[in-house]
Protein backbone atom coordinates (compact mmCIF):
# COMPACT_ATOMS: atom_id res chain seq x y z
CA MET A 1 26.46 53.76 179.91
CA PRO A 2 26.43 57.23 178.40
CA LEU A 3 23.30 59.22 179.00
CA LEU A 4 20.52 58.73 176.40
CA PRO A 5 17.88 61.16 174.93
CA MET A 6 14.63 60.51 176.80
CA SER A 7 12.98 59.72 173.57
CA VAL A 8 15.02 56.55 173.16
CA LEU A 9 13.61 55.16 176.43
CA LEU A 10 10.05 56.44 175.90
CA ASN A 11 9.64 55.25 172.27
CA LYS A 12 10.54 51.68 173.29
CA ALA A 13 8.05 52.03 176.29
CA ASN A 14 5.36 53.26 173.82
CA ALA A 15 5.95 50.44 171.47
CA GLU A 16 5.92 47.76 174.21
CA GLY A 17 3.11 49.23 176.40
CA TYR A 18 4.77 50.13 179.70
CA ALA A 19 5.95 53.29 181.44
CA VAL A 20 9.33 54.67 182.48
CA GLY A 21 9.69 56.08 185.92
CA ALA A 22 10.97 59.73 186.02
CA PHE A 23 12.34 60.57 189.43
CA ASN A 24 13.23 64.03 190.66
CA THR A 25 16.58 64.71 192.35
CA ASN A 26 18.32 67.58 193.82
CA ASN A 27 21.28 65.98 195.73
CA MET A 28 23.79 63.09 195.66
CA GLU A 29 21.85 60.72 197.96
CA ILE A 30 18.66 60.93 195.92
CA THR A 31 20.40 60.39 192.67
CA GLN A 32 22.35 57.39 193.99
CA ALA A 33 19.01 55.97 195.23
CA ILE A 34 17.33 56.34 191.94
CA ILE A 35 20.13 54.64 190.04
CA GLU A 36 20.41 51.90 192.62
CA GLY A 37 16.69 51.23 192.51
CA ALA A 38 16.55 50.98 188.73
CA VAL A 39 19.67 48.85 188.52
CA ALA A 40 18.07 46.44 191.03
CA GLU A 41 14.97 46.20 188.85
CA ARG A 42 16.86 46.17 185.61
CA ALA A 43 14.77 49.09 184.45
CA PRO A 44 15.39 52.09 182.27
CA VAL A 45 15.16 55.31 184.26
CA ILE A 46 14.74 59.13 183.84
CA ILE A 47 16.37 61.28 186.47
CA GLN A 48 14.95 64.75 186.32
CA CYS A 49 15.71 68.10 187.89
CA SER A 50 13.28 70.99 188.37
CA GLU A 51 14.36 74.68 187.90
CA GLY A 52 14.33 75.07 191.59
CA ALA A 53 16.58 72.03 192.10
CA MET A 54 18.79 73.26 189.42
CA LYS A 55 19.19 76.51 191.26
CA TYR A 56 19.81 74.66 194.51
CA ALA A 57 22.45 72.12 193.31
CA GLY A 58 23.84 73.87 190.22
CA VAL A 59 23.31 72.78 186.55
CA ASP A 60 26.87 71.60 186.03
CA THR A 61 26.89 69.71 189.34
CA VAL A 62 23.75 67.89 188.41
CA VAL A 63 25.00 66.86 184.99
CA ALA A 64 28.37 65.71 186.37
CA MET A 65 26.85 63.71 189.23
CA VAL A 66 24.19 61.89 186.88
CA LYS A 67 26.85 61.32 184.17
CA ALA A 68 29.32 59.73 186.60
CA LEU A 69 26.71 57.47 188.13
CA ALA A 70 25.17 56.48 184.74
CA GLU A 71 28.57 55.58 183.22
CA ASN A 72 29.06 53.03 185.87
CA VAL A 73 25.79 51.10 185.25
CA ASP A 74 24.49 49.12 182.32
CA ILE A 75 20.77 50.47 182.25
CA PRO A 76 19.53 53.24 180.01
CA VAL A 77 19.53 56.53 181.85
CA ALA A 78 18.18 59.90 180.62
CA LEU A 79 18.73 63.35 182.37
CA HIS A 80 15.60 65.53 182.00
CA LEU A 81 14.67 69.10 182.87
CA ASP A 82 11.31 68.95 184.59
CA HIS A 83 8.88 71.83 184.11
CA GLY A 84 11.16 74.20 182.28
CA LYS A 85 9.36 77.57 182.27
CA GLU A 86 12.26 79.86 181.59
CA PHE A 87 13.68 79.78 178.07
CA ASP A 88 17.26 80.66 179.36
CA ASN A 89 17.16 77.75 181.66
CA ILE A 90 16.10 75.36 178.98
CA ILE A 91 19.11 76.49 176.82
CA LYS A 92 21.31 76.33 179.76
CA CYS A 93 20.49 72.64 180.38
CA ILE A 94 20.84 71.80 176.69
CA ARG A 95 24.28 73.32 176.63
CA ALA A 96 25.38 71.65 179.96
CA GLY A 97 24.51 68.16 178.84
CA PHE A 98 20.95 67.27 179.68
CA THR A 99 19.51 64.80 177.24
CA SER A 100 15.89 66.02 177.40
CA VAL A 101 14.11 69.15 178.47
CA MET A 102 10.63 69.98 179.19
CA ILE A 103 9.06 73.28 177.95
CA ASP A 104 6.11 73.96 180.12
CA ALA A 105 4.08 76.77 178.49
CA SER A 106 0.69 75.08 179.51
CA HIS A 107 -0.18 78.44 181.23
CA LEU A 108 -0.25 80.27 177.86
CA PRO A 109 -2.95 80.35 175.24
CA LEU A 110 -2.77 77.43 172.78
CA GLU A 111 -1.13 79.43 170.04
CA GLU A 112 1.54 80.75 172.26
CA ASN A 113 2.09 77.32 173.71
CA ILE A 114 2.59 75.94 170.22
CA ALA A 115 4.93 78.61 169.26
CA MET A 116 7.06 78.42 172.26
CA THR A 117 7.16 74.66 172.15
CA LYS A 118 8.10 74.58 168.46
CA LYS A 119 10.96 76.92 169.07
CA VAL A 120 12.40 74.72 171.81
CA VAL A 121 11.92 71.52 169.73
CA GLU A 122 13.93 73.18 166.84
CA ILE A 123 16.74 74.05 169.07
CA ALA A 124 16.82 70.90 171.16
CA HIS A 125 16.52 68.50 168.26
CA ALA A 126 19.47 70.19 166.53
CA ALA A 127 21.58 69.18 169.63
CA GLY A 128 20.11 65.62 169.83
CA VAL A 129 17.99 66.55 172.92
CA SER A 130 14.45 65.32 173.24
CA VAL A 131 11.57 67.52 174.28
CA GLU A 132 8.59 67.13 176.51
CA ALA A 133 5.73 69.70 176.55
CA GLU A 134 2.49 70.11 178.52
CA LEU A 135 -1.11 70.71 177.31
CA GLY A 136 -3.84 71.27 179.87
CA ARG A 137 -3.27 72.20 183.55
CA ILE A 138 -1.99 69.98 186.26
CA ALA A 139 -3.46 71.22 189.48
CA GLY A 140 -1.23 72.47 192.33
CA VAL A 141 -1.13 71.49 195.96
CA GLU A 142 -3.51 74.24 197.10
CA ASP A 143 -5.95 74.10 194.24
CA ASN A 144 -9.63 73.48 195.16
CA VAL A 145 -11.74 73.44 191.91
CA SER A 146 -15.35 72.73 191.04
CA THR A 147 -16.33 70.01 188.63
CA SER A 148 -16.66 72.58 185.69
CA GLU A 149 -13.31 74.11 186.45
CA ARG A 150 -11.76 70.64 186.71
CA ASP A 151 -13.06 69.78 183.20
CA ALA A 152 -11.70 73.04 181.86
CA MET A 153 -8.21 72.05 183.06
CA LEU A 154 -8.26 68.68 181.27
CA THR A 155 -6.38 68.26 178.06
CA ASP A 156 -8.62 68.59 174.97
CA PRO A 157 -7.85 65.59 172.53
CA GLY A 158 -8.39 67.82 169.36
CA GLU A 159 -6.03 70.44 170.66
CA ALA A 160 -3.45 67.62 171.61
CA GLU A 161 -3.60 66.33 168.02
CA ARG A 162 -2.92 69.72 166.62
CA PHE A 163 -0.24 70.57 169.13
CA VAL A 164 1.81 67.32 168.47
CA SER A 165 1.46 67.82 164.68
CA GLU A 166 2.60 71.37 164.70
CA THR A 167 5.36 71.22 167.25
CA GLY A 168 7.04 67.85 166.68
CA VAL A 169 7.40 67.23 170.44
CA ASP A 170 8.75 63.92 171.61
CA ALA A 171 6.42 63.47 174.56
CA LEU A 172 3.34 65.19 175.82
CA ALA A 173 2.26 65.65 179.40
CA ILE A 174 -1.54 65.60 179.66
CA ALA A 175 -3.89 66.79 182.36
CA ILE A 176 -6.13 63.84 183.41
CA GLY A 177 -7.05 64.86 186.95
CA THR A 178 -3.85 64.44 188.94
CA ALA A 179 -2.25 67.11 190.97
CA HIS A 180 1.18 68.10 192.29
CA GLY A 181 2.22 67.88 195.92
CA PRO A 182 1.07 65.56 198.90
CA ARG A 183 -2.50 66.87 199.08
CA LYS A 184 -3.78 65.94 195.68
CA PHE A 185 -7.59 65.24 196.26
CA LYS A 186 -10.37 66.41 198.57
CA GLY A 187 -12.18 63.14 198.09
CA GLU A 188 -11.78 60.01 196.11
CA PRO A 189 -9.22 60.34 193.21
CA LYS A 190 -10.69 60.36 189.69
CA LEU A 191 -8.51 60.00 186.68
CA GLU A 192 -9.76 60.20 183.21
CA MET A 193 -8.81 56.89 181.56
CA ASP A 194 -11.16 57.51 178.62
CA LEU A 195 -9.32 60.70 177.97
CA ILE A 196 -5.88 58.97 177.98
CA ARG A 197 -7.17 56.44 175.34
CA GLU A 198 -8.81 59.24 173.24
CA ILE A 199 -5.61 61.39 173.18
CA LYS A 200 -3.42 58.21 172.51
CA SER A 201 -5.51 57.24 169.46
CA ARG A 202 -4.98 60.73 168.01
CA VAL A 203 -1.22 61.31 168.62
CA ASN A 204 0.40 57.90 169.33
CA ILE A 205 3.45 59.38 170.95
CA PRO A 206 4.72 58.86 174.46
CA LEU A 207 2.24 60.41 177.05
CA VAL A 208 3.31 61.71 180.41
CA MET A 209 1.58 61.58 183.76
CA HIS A 210 2.51 64.18 186.35
CA GLY A 211 1.50 64.34 189.96
CA ALA A 212 1.54 60.51 190.31
CA SER A 213 2.82 59.96 193.80
CA ALA A 214 0.77 57.75 195.92
CA VAL A 215 1.63 59.32 199.31
CA PRO A 216 1.58 55.91 201.13
CA LYS A 217 -0.10 55.93 204.37
CA GLU A 218 2.64 53.93 206.16
CA VAL A 219 5.16 56.56 205.09
CA ILE A 220 2.91 59.46 206.38
CA ASP A 221 2.29 57.62 209.59
CA LYS A 222 5.96 57.10 210.22
CA ALA A 223 6.82 60.85 209.50
CA VAL A 224 3.99 61.94 211.84
CA ARG A 225 5.13 59.55 214.52
CA TYR A 226 8.57 61.26 214.59
CA GLY A 227 7.19 64.71 214.49
CA ALA A 228 6.09 65.65 211.10
CA GLU A 229 3.08 67.78 210.44
CA ILE A 230 1.38 66.54 207.37
CA GLU A 231 -2.35 66.91 207.46
CA GLY A 232 -4.73 65.87 204.76
CA ALA A 233 -2.11 64.13 202.62
CA SER A 234 -3.45 61.91 199.80
CA GLY A 235 -2.20 60.56 196.51
CA VAL A 236 -2.87 58.46 193.47
CA PRO A 237 -3.49 54.79 194.27
CA ASP A 238 -1.11 52.33 192.66
CA GLU A 239 -3.94 50.67 190.88
CA ALA A 240 -4.93 54.00 189.18
CA VAL A 241 -1.39 54.43 188.02
CA SER A 242 -1.13 50.92 186.56
CA GLN A 243 -4.53 51.55 184.84
CA ALA A 244 -3.27 54.74 183.36
CA VAL A 245 -0.10 52.97 182.02
CA ALA A 246 -2.42 50.33 180.39
CA ASN A 247 -4.34 53.00 178.73
CA GLY A 248 -1.37 54.75 177.15
CA ILE A 249 0.77 56.55 179.67
CA ASN A 250 4.58 55.98 179.01
CA LYS A 251 6.32 58.31 181.53
CA VAL A 252 5.20 58.73 185.08
CA ASN A 253 6.77 61.48 187.39
CA ILE A 254 7.59 60.70 190.92
CA ASP A 255 8.81 63.23 193.53
CA THR A 256 6.56 63.67 196.51
CA ASP A 257 6.80 59.98 197.57
CA MET A 258 10.63 60.14 197.66
CA ARG A 259 10.60 63.31 199.58
CA LEU A 260 8.21 61.90 202.24
CA ALA A 261 10.18 58.64 202.54
CA MET A 262 13.36 60.50 202.94
CA ILE A 263 12.20 62.86 205.61
CA ALA A 264 10.46 60.08 207.59
CA ALA A 265 13.60 58.05 207.67
CA MET A 266 15.67 61.04 208.58
CA ARG A 267 13.24 61.94 211.41
CA GLU A 268 13.30 58.42 212.76
CA VAL A 269 17.07 58.27 212.91
CA LEU A 270 17.36 61.62 214.57
CA HIS A 271 14.60 60.78 217.02
CA ASN A 272 16.16 57.45 218.06
CA ASN A 273 19.71 58.90 218.04
CA PRO A 274 19.59 62.39 219.46
CA LYS A 275 23.45 62.47 219.88
CA ALA A 276 24.00 61.72 216.09
CA THR A 277 26.58 63.95 214.47
CA ASP A 278 27.52 61.96 211.34
CA PRO A 279 25.33 63.06 208.39
CA ARG A 280 26.14 59.69 206.71
CA LYS A 281 24.17 57.78 209.47
CA VAL A 282 21.14 60.12 208.82
CA LEU A 283 21.29 60.24 205.10
CA GLY A 284 22.16 56.54 204.58
CA PRO A 285 18.83 55.24 205.83
CA ALA A 286 17.10 58.09 203.95
CA LYS A 287 18.73 56.88 200.73
CA ASP A 288 17.65 53.27 201.45
CA ALA A 289 14.10 54.54 201.92
CA ILE A 290 14.21 56.15 198.57
CA VAL A 291 15.65 52.99 196.91
CA GLU A 292 12.53 51.10 198.13
CA ILE A 293 10.16 53.72 196.71
CA VAL A 294 11.90 53.57 193.29
CA ARG A 295 11.88 49.83 193.16
CA HIS A 296 8.04 49.86 194.00
CA LYS A 297 7.17 52.35 191.40
CA ILE A 298 9.14 50.54 188.74
CA SER A 299 7.09 47.40 189.58
CA ILE A 300 3.84 49.05 189.08
CA LEU A 301 4.98 50.84 185.81
CA GLY A 302 5.99 47.51 184.21
CA SER A 303 9.49 48.81 183.27
CA GLY A 304 11.25 46.17 185.41
CA ALA A 305 13.64 43.90 183.32
CA LYS A 306 13.22 46.21 180.30
CA ALA A 307 16.83 47.49 180.37
């Protein structure tokens, strides 16, 4: 099936009350695993690439790889630029064949964020490409903020309403208390479900949840058992993600969980087979581990059998 604009997948999810998994890739094995997991669950899927991954793999390589795999399956697939901060990179992705881009100007004042997002929307929509933007601030792996600072980072519903109205954006990533990376929380996770509902009631477009990896204990334990050093890792419980979807989230980003599963599987193979020299025998089990993560995430997002 040809690649589709992300808005096609997300508008259906918004109408029917589920979320589509958006999985980050930077190589062939990860991309294959994402597609394989989605096909197994009969789910629509978003494959996304960060600016860093784009630099690592090459824009044209990513597009060719995802297109080739998508054309051989009968589920909806979108190719999305995740956290596009450089305008030139966004244009490069649109020209190369990405069907969706994210303009992340959330670090700018509201007026500048609106202006930059509106500019990208005009260009992207003219090319049939959908646009995601971000309002509020998603914490990073090393952030340690107070309650007042945390509240200031959350998305303001009134600003969200204005932002969507003035930009015409297709999907909005909101800050509800999640964080990027494997060390998301100092204590118990606290996501703002009331805030999701309030924003949804004002904008009624697909809402996006970043930083949603669960960082499963069994995956961490396995990685550590075979030599990884991952201290203080914690994530968003599956129940919290499901609750966020029930309250209005329609796109959920997953990256960290796949990375951890991949590294744990590779470490196990190399530990048990110190004479291994065939990369396929290392990367094969790693790919299988990612497939299981993808399938599990789809099951909690409610997008299985929606293709």
